[in-house]
PDB file of N, CA and C in Angstrom:
ATOM      1  N   UNK A   1     129.499 -37.433 -60.284  1.00  0.00           N
ATOM      2  CA  UNK A   1     130.661 -37.101 -59.516  1.00  0.00           C
ATOM      3  C   UNK A   1     130.275 -35.891 -58.681  1.00  0.00           C
ATOM      4  N   UNK A   2     130.582 -35.896 -57.396  1.00  0.00           N
ATOM      5  CA  UNK A   2     130.414 -34.735 -56.542  1.00  0.00           C
ATOM      6  C   UNK A   2     131.529 -33.724 -56.625  1.00  0.00           C
ATOM      7  N   UNK A   3     131.211 -32.420 -56.415  1.00  0.00           N
ATOM      8  CA  UNK A   3     132.184 -31.451 -56.398  1.00  0.00           C
ATOM      9  C   UNK A   3     132.428 -30.714 -55.120  1.00  0.00           C
ATOM     10  N   UNK A   4     133.508 -30.386 -54.641  1.00  0.00           N
ATOM     11  CA  UNK A   4     133.823 -29.656 -53.474  1.00  0.00           C
ATOM     12  C   UNK A   4     133.390 -28.231 -53.606  1.00  0.00           C
ATOM     13  N   UNK A   5     132.826 -27.628 -52.583  1.00  0.00           N
ATOM     14  CA  UNK A   5     132.474 -26.154 -52.661  1.00  0.00           C
ATOM     15  C   UNK A   5     133.705 -25.309 -52.743  1.00  0.00           C
ATOM     16  N   UNK A   6     134.861 -25.808 -52.369  1.00  0.00           N
ATOM     17  CA  UNK A   6     136.149 -25.036 -52.340  1.00  0.00           C
ATOM     18  C   UNK A   6     136.866 -25.320 -53.574  1.00  0.00           C
ATOM     19  N   UNK A   7     137.051 -24.265 -54.364  1.00  0.00           N
ATOM     20  CA  UNK A   7     137.933 -24.273 -55.628  1.00  0.00           C
ATOM     21  C   UNK A   7     137.332 -25.254 -56.655  1.00  0.00           C
ATOM     22  N   UNK A   8     136.183 -25.815 -56.498  1.00  0.00           N
ATOM     23  CA  UNK A   8     135.597 -26.728 -57.495  1.00  0.00           C
ATOM     24  C   UNK A   8     136.423 -27.965 -57.772  1.00  0.00           C
ATOM     25  N   UNK A   9     137.145 -28.452 -56.767  1.00  0.00           N
ATOM     26  CA  UNK A   9     137.939 -29.693 -56.886  1.00  0.00           C
ATOM     27  C   UNK A   9     137.021 -30.881 -56.775  1.00  0.00           C
ATOM     28  N   UNK A  10     137.228 -31.839 -57.652  1.00  0.00           N
ATOM     29  CA  UNK A  10     136.432 -33.039 -57.555  1.00  0.00           C
ATOM     30  C   UNK A  10     136.611 -33.745 -56.228  1.00  0.00           C
ATOM     31  N   UNK A  11     135.560 -34.002 -55.508  1.00  0.00           N
ATOM     32  CA  UNK A  11     135.635 -34.613 -54.216  1.00  0.00           C
ATOM     33  C   UNK A  11     136.249 -35.997 -54.283  1.00  0.00           C
ATOM     34  N   UNK A  12     136.112 -36.702 -55.362  1.00  0.00           N
ATOM     35  CA  UNK A  12     136.708 -37.999 -55.445  1.00  0.00           C
ATOM     36  C   UNK A  12     138.246 -37.980 -55.588  1.00  0.00           C
ATOM     37  N   UNK A  13     138.896 -36.866 -55.863  1.00  0.00           N
ATOM     38  CA  UNK A  13     140.187 -36.740 -56.033  1.00  0.00           C
ATOM     39  C   UNK A  13     140.899 -36.136 -54.831  1.00  0.00           C
ATOM     40  N   UNK A  14     140.305 -35.128 -54.250  1.00  0.00           N
ATOM     41  CA  UNK A  14     140.877 -34.472 -53.044  1.00  0.00           C
ATOM     42  C   UNK A  14     139.662 -33.904 -52.217  1.00  0.00           C
ATOM     43  N   UNK A  15     139.531 -34.372 -50.985  1.00  0.00           N
ATOM     44  CA  UNK A  15     138.534 -33.929 -50.137  1.00  0.00           C
ATOM     45  C   UNK A  15     139.085 -32.774 -49.322  1.00  0.00           C
ATOM     46  N   UNK A  16     138.582 -31.555 -49.635  1.00  0.00           N
ATOM     47  CA  UNK A  16     138.965 -30.348 -48.940  1.00  0.00           C
ATOM     48  C   UNK A  16     138.158 -30.140 -47.648  1.00  0.00           C
ATOM     49  N   UNK A  17     138.846 -30.125 -46.575  1.00  0.00           N
ATOM     50  CA  UNK A  17     138.122 -29.977 -45.247  1.00  0.00           C
ATOM     51  C   UNK A  17     138.091 -28.507 -44.693  1.00  0.00           C
ATOM     52  N   UNK A  18     139.267 -27.816 -44.987  1.00  0.00           N
ATOM     53  CA  UNK A  18     139.359 -26.537 -44.391  1.00  0.00           C
ATOM     54  C   UNK A  18     140.289 -25.694 -45.168  1.00  0.00           C
ATOM     55  N   UNK A  19     140.045 -24.456 -45.272  1.00  0.00           N
ATOM     56  CA  UNK A  19     140.825 -23.518 -46.007  1.00  0.00           C
ATOM     57  C   UNK A  19     141.245 -22.354 -45.051  1.00  0.00           C
ATOM     58  N   UNK A  20     142.494 -22.230 -44.713  1.00  0.00           N
ATOM     59  CA  UNK A  20     142.888 -21.038 -43.951  1.00  0.00           C
ATOM     60  C   UNK A  20     143.604 -20.096 -44.836  1.00  0.00           C
ATOM     61  N   UNK A  21     144.052 -19.010 -44.211  1.00  0.00           N
ATOM     62  CA  UNK A  21     144.695 -17.952 -45.080  1.00  0.00           C
ATOM     63  C   UNK A  21     145.972 -18.508 -45.726  1.00  0.00           C
ATOM     64  N   UNK A  22     146.641 -19.381 -45.132  1.00  0.00           N
ATOM     65  CA  UNK A  22     148.004 -19.762 -45.594  1.00  0.00           C
ATOM     66  C   UNK A  22     148.085 -21.149 -46.179  1.00  0.00           C
ATOM     67  N   UNK A  23     147.034 -22.018 -45.957  1.00  0.00           N
ATOM     68  CA  UNK A  23     147.120 -23.399 -46.395  1.00  0.00           C
ATOM     69  C   UNK A  23     145.762 -23.996 -46.585  1.00  0.00           C
ATOM     70  N   UNK A  24     145.707 -24.960 -47.521  1.00  0.00           N
ATOM     71  CA  UNK A  24     144.457 -25.780 -47.752  1.00  0.00           C
ATOM     72  C   UNK A  24     144.754 -27.175 -47.232  1.00  0.00           C
ATOM     73  N   UNK A  25     143.897 -27.579 -46.373  1.00  0.00           N
ATOM     74  CA  UNK A  25     144.032 -28.912 -45.760  1.00  0.00           C
ATOM     75  C   UNK A  25     143.140 -29.879 -46.550  1.00  0.00           C
ATOM     76  N   UNK A  26     143.861 -30.979 -47.068  1.00  0.00           N
ATOM     77  CA  UNK A  26     143.077 -31.967 -47.863  1.00  0.00           C
ATOM     78  C   UNK A  26     143.551 -33.320 -47.465  1.00  0.00           C
ATOM     79  N   UNK A  27     142.652 -34.325 -47.915  1.00  0.00           N
ATOM     80  CA  UNK A  27     142.944 -35.678 -47.590  1.00  0.00           C
ATOM     81  C   UNK A  27     143.061 -36.482 -48.849  1.00  0.00           C
ATOM     82  N   UNK A  28     144.137 -37.309 -48.961  1.00  0.00           N
ATOM     83  CA  UNK A  28     144.426 -38.027 -50.187  1.00  0.00           C
ATOM     84  C   UNK A  28     143.399 -39.197 -50.398  1.00  0.00           C
ATOM     85  N   UNK A  29     143.323 -39.586 -51.657  1.00  0.00           N
ATOM     86  CA  UNK A  29     142.622 -40.704 -52.111  1.00  0.00           C
ATOM     87  C   UNK A  29     143.647 -41.807 -52.594  1.00  0.00           C
ATOM     88  N   UNK A  30     143.393 -43.043 -52.262  1.00  0.00           N
ATOM     89  CA  UNK A  30     144.289 -44.169 -52.719  1.00  0.00           C
ATOM     90  C   UNK A  30     144.741 -44.028 -54.124  1.00  0.00           C
ATOM     91  N   UNK A  31     146.041 -44.000 -54.390  1.00  0.00           N
ATOM     92  CA  UNK A  31     146.620 -43.948 -55.718  1.00  0.00           C
ATOM     93  C   UNK A  31     146.873 -42.587 -56.254  1.00  0.00           C
ATOM     94  N   UNK A  32     146.505 -41.582 -55.484  1.00  0.00           N
ATOM     95  CA  UNK A  32     146.713 -40.198 -55.966  1.00  0.00           C
ATOM     96  C   UNK A  32     148.226 -39.890 -55.939  1.00  0.00           C
ATOM     97  N   UNK A  33     148.674 -39.055 -56.900  1.00  0.00           N
ATOM     98  CA  UNK A  33     150.096 -38.672 -57.025  1.00  0.00           C
ATOM     99  C   UNK A  33     150.262 -37.195 -56.555  1.00  0.00           C
ATOM    100  N   UNK A  34     151.509 -36.867 -56.223  1.00  0.00           N
ATOM    101  CA  UNK A  34     151.757 -35.523 -55.849  1.00  0.00           C
ATOM    102  C   UNK A  34     151.463 -34.502 -56.964  1.00  0.00           C
ATOM    103  N   UNK A  35     151.821 -34.836 -58.154  1.00  0.00           N
ATOM    104  CA  UNK A  35     151.592 -33.912 -59.266  1.00  0.00           C
ATOM    105  C   UNK A  35     150.069 -33.766 -59.572  1.00  0.00           C
ATOM    106  N   UNK A  36     149.341 -34.784 -59.272  1.00  0.00           N
ATOM    107  CA  UNK A  36     147.905 -34.642 -59.478  1.00  0.00           C
ATOM    108  C   UNK A  36     147.324 -33.648 -58.494  1.00  0.00           C
ATOM    109  N   UNK A  37     147.733 -33.773 -57.186  1.00  0.00           N
ATOM    110  CA  UNK A  37     147.288 -32.825 -56.186  1.00  0.00           C
ATOM    111  C   UNK A  37     147.730 -31.461 -56.535  1.00  0.00           C
ATOM    112  N   UNK A  38     148.941 -31.231 -56.992  1.00  0.00           N
ATOM    113  CA  UNK A  38     149.346 -29.836 -57.364  1.00  0.00           C
ATOM    114  C   UNK A  38     148.553 -29.283 -58.528  1.00  0.00           C
ATOM    115  N   UNK A  39     148.296 -30.182 -59.465  1.00  0.00           N
ATOM    116  CA  UNK A  39     147.412 -29.767 -60.627  1.00  0.00           C
ATOM    117  C   UNK A  39     146.056 -29.287 -60.199  1.00  0.00           C
ATOM    118  N   UNK A  40     145.457 -30.064 -59.265  1.00  0.00           N
ATOM    119  CA  UNK A  40     144.118 -29.681 -58.790  1.00  0.00           C
ATOM    120  C   UNK A  40     144.070 -28.415 -57.989  1.00  0.00           C
ATOM    121  N   UNK A  41     145.031 -28.198 -57.110  1.00  0.00           N
ATOM    122  CA  UNK A  41     145.175 -27.126 -56.253  1.00  0.00           C
ATOM    123  C   UNK A  41     145.680 -25.871 -56.942  1.00  0.00           C
ATOM    124  N   UNK A  42     146.779 -25.993 -57.725  1.00  0.00           N
ATOM    125  CA  UNK A  42     147.442 -24.844 -58.353  1.00  0.00           C
ATOM    126  C   UNK A  42     147.150 -24.700 -59.835  1.00  0.00           C
ATOM    127  N   UNK A  43     146.675 -25.699 -60.478  1.00  0.00           N
ATOM    128  CA  UNK A  43     146.486 -25.721 -61.914  1.00  0.00           C
ATOM    129  C   UNK A  43     147.829 -25.956 -62.567  1.00  0.00           C
ATOM    130  N   UNK A  44     148.786 -26.422 -61.875  1.00  0.00           N
ATOM    131  CA  UNK A  44     150.147 -26.714 -62.401  1.00  0.00           C
ATOM    132  C   UNK A  44     150.751 -27.902 -61.734  1.00  0.00           C
ATOM    133  N   UNK A  45     151.001 -29.079 -62.432  1.00  0.00           N
ATOM    134  CA  UNK A  45     151.509 -30.292 -61.852  1.00  0.00           C
ATOM    135  C   UNK A  45     152.883 -30.045 -61.250  1.00  0.00           C
ATOM    136  N   UNK A  46     153.662 -29.086 -61.754  1.00  0.00           N
ATOM    137  CA  UNK A  46     155.051 -28.866 -61.237  1.00  0.00           C
ATOM    138  C   UNK A  46     155.101 -28.239 -59.930  1.00  0.00           C
ATOM    139  N   UNK A  47     153.940 -27.774 -59.356  1.00  0.00           N
ATOM    140  CA  UNK A  47     153.894 -27.170 -58.031  1.00  0.00           C
ATOM    141  C   UNK A  47     153.909 -28.148 -56.832  1.00  0.00           C
ATOM    142  N   UNK A  48     154.164 -29.429 -57.182  1.00  0.00           N
ATOM    143  CA  UNK A  48     154.109 -30.382 -56.083  1.00  0.00           C
ATOM    144  C   UNK A  48     155.227 -30.231 -55.029  1.00  0.00           C
ATOM    145  N   UNK A  49     156.375 -29.503 -55.393  1.00  0.00           N
ATOM    146  CA  UNK A  49     157.381 -29.295 -54.472  1.00  0.00           C
ATOM    147  C   UNK A  49     156.952 -28.453 -53.249  1.00  0.00           C
ATOM    148  N   UNK A  50     156.053 -27.518 -53.551  1.00  0.00           N
ATOM    149  CA  UNK A  50     155.468 -26.704 -52.450  1.00  0.00           C
ATOM    150  C   UNK A  50     154.726 -27.554 -51.458  1.00  0.00           C
ATOM    151  N   UNK A  51     153.949 -28.512 -51.999  1.00  0.00           N
ATOM    152  CA  UNK A  51     153.097 -29.408 -51.078  1.00  0.00           C
ATOM    153  C   UNK A  51     154.141 -30.344 -50.273  1.00  0.00           C
ATOM    154  N   UNK A  52     155.110 -30.866 -50.959  1.00  0.00           N
ATOM    155  CA  UNK A  52     156.140 -31.685 -50.234  1.00  0.00           C
ATOM    156  C   UNK A  52     156.815 -30.933 -49.114  1.00  0.00           C
ATOM    157  N   UNK A  53     157.124 -29.676 -49.449  1.00  0.00           N
ATOM    158  CA  UNK A  53     157.959 -28.863 -48.436  1.00  0.00           C
ATOM    159  C   UNK A  53     156.991 -28.558 -47.227  1.00  0.00           C
ATOM    160  N   UNK A  54     155.723 -28.443 -47.482  1.00  0.00           N
ATOM    161  CA  UNK A  54     154.758 -28.119 -46.344  1.00  0.00           C
ATOM    162  C   UNK A  54     154.417 -29.320 -45.505  1.00  0.00           C
ATOM    163  N   UNK A  55     154.798 -30.484 -45.978  1.00  0.00           N
ATOM    164  CA  UNK A  55     154.436 -31.712 -45.335  1.00  0.00           C
ATOM    165  C   UNK A  55     155.674 -32.643 -45.093  1.00  0.00           C
ATOM    166  N   UNK A  56     156.605 -32.151 -44.343  1.00  0.00           N
ATOM    167  CA  UNK A  56     157.876 -32.965 -44.107  1.00  0.00           C
ATOM    168  C   UNK A  56     157.683 -34.244 -43.436  1.00  0.00           C
ATOM    169  N   UNK A  57     156.590 -34.396 -42.695  1.00  0.00           N
ATOM    170  CA  UNK A  57     156.264 -35.559 -41.957  1.00  0.00           C
ATOM    171  C   UNK A  57     155.805 -36.753 -42.904  1.00  0.00           C
ATOM    172  N   UNK A  58     155.439 -36.351 -44.103  1.00  0.00           N
ATOM    173  CA  UNK A  58     154.902 -37.396 -45.087  1.00  0.00           C
ATOM    174  C   UNK A  58     155.957 -37.940 -45.962  1.00  0.00           C
ATOM    175  N   UNK A  59     156.087 -39.248 -45.951  1.00  0.00           N
ATOM    176  CA  UNK A  59     157.073 -39.843 -46.914  1.00  0.00           C
ATOM    177  C   UNK A  59     156.783 -39.527 -48.321  1.00  0.00           C
ATOM    178  N   UNK A  60     157.753 -39.612 -49.145  1.00  0.00           N
ATOM    179  CA  UNK A  60     157.513 -39.362 -50.622  1.00  0.00           C
ATOM    180  C   UNK A  60     157.168 -40.682 -51.288  1.00  0.00           C
ATOM    181  N   UNK A  61     155.938 -40.836 -51.455  1.00  0.00           N
ATOM    182  CA  UNK A  61     155.394 -42.035 -52.174  1.00  0.00           C
ATOM    183  C   UNK A  61     155.199 -41.725 -53.665  1.00  0.00           C
ATOM    184  N   UNK A  62     155.430 -42.676 -54.486  1.00  0.00           N
ATOM    185  CA  UNK A  62     155.116 -42.463 -55.964  1.00  0.00           C
ATOM    186  C   UNK A  62     153.621 -42.307 -56.086  1.00  0.00           C
ATOM    187  N   UNK A  63     152.886 -43.203 -55.417  1.00  0.00           N
ATOM    188  CA  UNK A  63     151.362 -43.048 -55.338  1.00  0.00           C
ATOM    189  C   UNK A  63     151.012 -43.037 -53.850  1.00  0.00           C
ATOM    190  N   UNK A  64     150.247 -42.044 -53.422  1.00  0.00           N
ATOM    191  CA  UNK A  64     149.898 -41.961 -51.982  1.00  0.00           C
ATOM    192  C   UNK A  64     148.859 -42.935 -51.576  1.00  0.00           C
ATOM    193  N   UNK A  65     148.948 -43.400 -50.365  1.00  0.00           N
ATOM    194  CA  UNK A  65     147.834 -44.118 -49.849  1.00  0.00           C
ATOM    195  C   UNK A  65     146.664 -43.197 -49.503  1.00  0.00           C
ATOM    196  N   UNK A  66     145.536 -43.794 -49.387  1.00  0.00           N
ATOM    197  CA  UNK A  66     144.362 -42.959 -49.005  1.00  0.00           C
ATOM    198  C   UNK A  66     144.406 -42.525 -47.541  1.00  0.00           C
ATOM    199  N   UNK A  67     143.721 -41.398 -47.333  1.00  0.00           N
ATOM    200  CA  UNK A  67     143.550 -40.958 -45.907  1.00  0.00           C
ATOM    201  C   UNK A  67     144.654 -40.109 -45.288  1.00  0.00           C
ATOM    202  N   UNK A  68     145.723 -39.773 -46.047  1.00  0.00           N
ATOM    203  CA  UNK A  68     146.774 -38.928 -45.604  1.00  0.00           C
ATOM    204  C   UNK A  68     146.300 -37.451 -45.609  1.00  0.00           C
ATOM    205  N   UNK A  69     146.400 -36.754 -44.484  1.00  0.00           N
ATOM    206  CA  UNK A  69     145.963 -35.392 -44.433  1.00  0.00           C
ATOM    207  C   UNK A  69     147.252 -34.582 -44.845  1.00  0.00           C
ATOM    208  N   UNK A  70     147.060 -33.666 -45.890  1.00  0.00           N
ATOM    209  CA  UNK A  70     148.203 -32.810 -46.335  1.00  0.00           C
ATOM    210  C   UNK A  70     147.766 -31.316 -46.252  1.00  0.00           C
ATOM    211  N   UNK A  71     148.753 -30.505 -46.214  1.00  0.00           N
ATOM    212  CA  UNK A  71     148.577 -29.079 -46.278  1.00  0.00           C
ATOM    213  C   UNK A  71     149.111 -28.525 -47.647  1.00  0.00           C
ATOM    214  N   UNK A  72     148.334 -27.825 -48.327  1.00  0.00           N
ATOM    215  CA  UNK A  72     148.912 -27.227 -49.583  1.00  0.00           C
ATOM    216  C   UNK A  72     148.926 -25.701 -49.401  1.00  0.00           C
ATOM    217  N   UNK A  73     150.139 -25.113 -49.415  1.00  0.00           N
ATOM    218  CA  UNK A  73     150.197 -23.688 -49.199  1.00  0.00           C
ATOM    219  C   UNK A  73     149.438 -22.852 -50.263  1.00  0.00           C
ATOM    220  N   UNK A  74     148.812 -21.892 -49.708  1.00  0.00           N
ATOM    221  CA  UNK A  74     148.071 -20.983 -50.668  1.00  0.00           C
ATOM    222  C   UNK A  74     149.130 -20.091 -51.387  1.00  0.00           C
ATOM    223  N   UNK A  75     149.070 -19.965 -52.672  1.00  0.00           N
ATOM    224  CA  UNK A  75     149.960 -19.080 -53.326  1.00  0.00           C
ATOM    225  C   UNK A  75     149.213 -17.933 -54.042  1.00  0.00           C
ATOM    226  N   UNK A  76     149.977 -16.774 -54.344  1.00  0.00           N
ATOM    227  CA  UNK A  76     149.340 -15.699 -55.004  1.00  0.00           C
ATOM    228  C   UNK A  76     149.275 -15.985 -56.476  1.00  0.00           C
ATOM    229  N   UNK A  77     148.510 -15.141 -57.165  1.00  0.00           N
ATOM    230  CA  UNK A  77     148.349 -15.300 -58.609  1.00  0.00           C
ATOM    231  C   UNK A  77     149.713 -15.103 -59.359  1.00  0.00           C
ATOM    232  N   UNK A  78     150.614 -14.248 -58.784  1.00  0.00           N
ATOM    233  CA  UNK A  78     151.873 -13.987 -59.399  1.00  0.00           C
ATOM    234  C   UNK A  78     152.836 -15.148 -59.280  1.00  0.00           C
ATOM    235  N   UNK A  79     152.557 -16.088 -58.366  1.00  0.00           N
ATOM    236  CA  UNK A  79     153.437 -17.283 -58.085  1.00  0.00           C
ATOM    237  C   UNK A  79     152.976 -18.357 -59.030  1.00  0.00           C
ATOM    238  N   UNK A  80     151.819 -18.360 -59.651  1.00  0.00           N
ATOM    239  CA  UNK A  80     151.427 -19.412 -60.486  1.00  0.00           C
ATOM    240  C   UNK A  80     152.253 -19.435 -61.870  1.00  0.00           C
ATOM    241  N   UNK A  81     152.399 -20.584 -62.369  1.00  0.00           N
ATOM    242  CA  UNK A  81     153.206 -20.714 -63.602  1.00  0.00           C
ATOM    243  C   UNK A  81     152.401 -20.058 -64.762  1.00  0.00           C
ATOM    244  N   UNK A  82     153.142 -19.395 -65.589  1.00  0.00           N
ATOM    245  CA  UNK A  82     152.572 -18.871 -66.828  1.00  0.00           C
ATOM    246  C   UNK A  82     152.451 -19.988 -67.786  1.00  0.00           C
ATOM    247  N   UNK A  83     151.282 -20.233 -68.321  1.00  0.00           N
ATOM    248  CA  UNK A  83     151.085 -21.369 -69.270  1.00  0.00           C
ATOM    249  C   UNK A  83     152.064 -21.262 -70.464  1.00  0.00           C
ATOM    250  N   UNK A  84     152.376 -20.093 -70.895  1.00  0.00           N
ATOM    251  CA  UNK A  84     153.259 -19.984 -72.033  1.00  0.00           C
ATOM    252  C   UNK A  84     154.721 -20.305 -71.752  1.00  0.00           C
ATOM    253  N   UNK A  85     155.102 -20.414 -70.448  1.00  0.00           N
ATOM    254  CA  UNK A  85     156.391 -20.803 -70.071  1.00  0.00           C
ATOM    255  C   UNK A  85     156.503 -22.322 -69.873  1.00  0.00           C
ATOM    256  N   UNK A  86     155.349 -23.063 -69.863  1.00  0.00           N
ATOM    257  CA  UNK A  86     155.369 -24.443 -69.755  1.00  0.00           C
ATOM    258  C   UNK A  86     155.680 -25.125 -71.064  1.00  0.00           C
ATOM    259  N   UNK A  87     156.220 -26.324 -70.993  1.00  0.00           N
ATOM    260  CA  UNK A  87     156.376 -27.052 -72.253  1.00  0.00           C
ATOM    261  C   UNK A  87     155.033 -27.345 -72.942  1.00  0.00           C
ATOM    262  N   UNK A  88     155.095 -27.468 -74.191  1.00  0.00           N
ATOM    263  CA  UNK A  88     153.718 -27.656 -74.933  1.00  0.00           C
ATOM    264  C   UNK A  88     152.804 -28.724 -74.383  1.00  0.00           C
ATOM    265  N   UNK A  89     153.456 -29.840 -73.961  1.00  0.00           N
ATOM    266  CA  UNK A  89     152.599 -31.009 -73.439  1.00  0.00           C
ATOM    267  C   UNK A  89     151.979 -30.781 -72.056  1.00  0.00           C
ATOM    268  N   UNK A  90     152.388 -29.633 -71.391  1.00  0.00           N
ATOM    269  CA  UNK A  90     151.857 -29.395 -70.132  1.00  0.00           C
ATOM    270  C   UNK A  90     150.986 -28.189 -70.109  1.00  0.00           C
ATOM    271  N   UNK A  91     150.758 -27.516 -71.312  1.00  0.00           N
ATOM    272  CA  UNK A  91     149.868 -26.423 -71.470  1.00  0.00           C
ATOM    273  C   UNK A  91     148.400 -26.885 -71.426  1.00  0.00           C
ATOM    274  N   UNK A  92     147.526 -26.017 -70.831  1.00  0.00           N
ATOM    275  CA  UNK A  92     146.085 -26.405 -70.804  1.00  0.00           C
ATOM    276  C   UNK A  92     145.502 -26.319 -72.192  1.00  0.00           C
TER     277      UNK A  92
END
């Protein structure tokens, strides 16, 4: 499995093309879900709403088709979910 040089995201799950100061541009892989993308980018599957809000032109699919270019807003460390506040089944 290849790994992306940006954030060590697996290239088979999300191909990262460009990182700007305010967003990460990535391309979906067939069958990928919003929560999977949020988990890869933010380490928190509940962060998918940020990605949805940043991509109003993209329909809400249960599973995304491959090749859709999305923007994932960059968040500060203080905006990340505290693992202790997550339910036990979502904790790392």
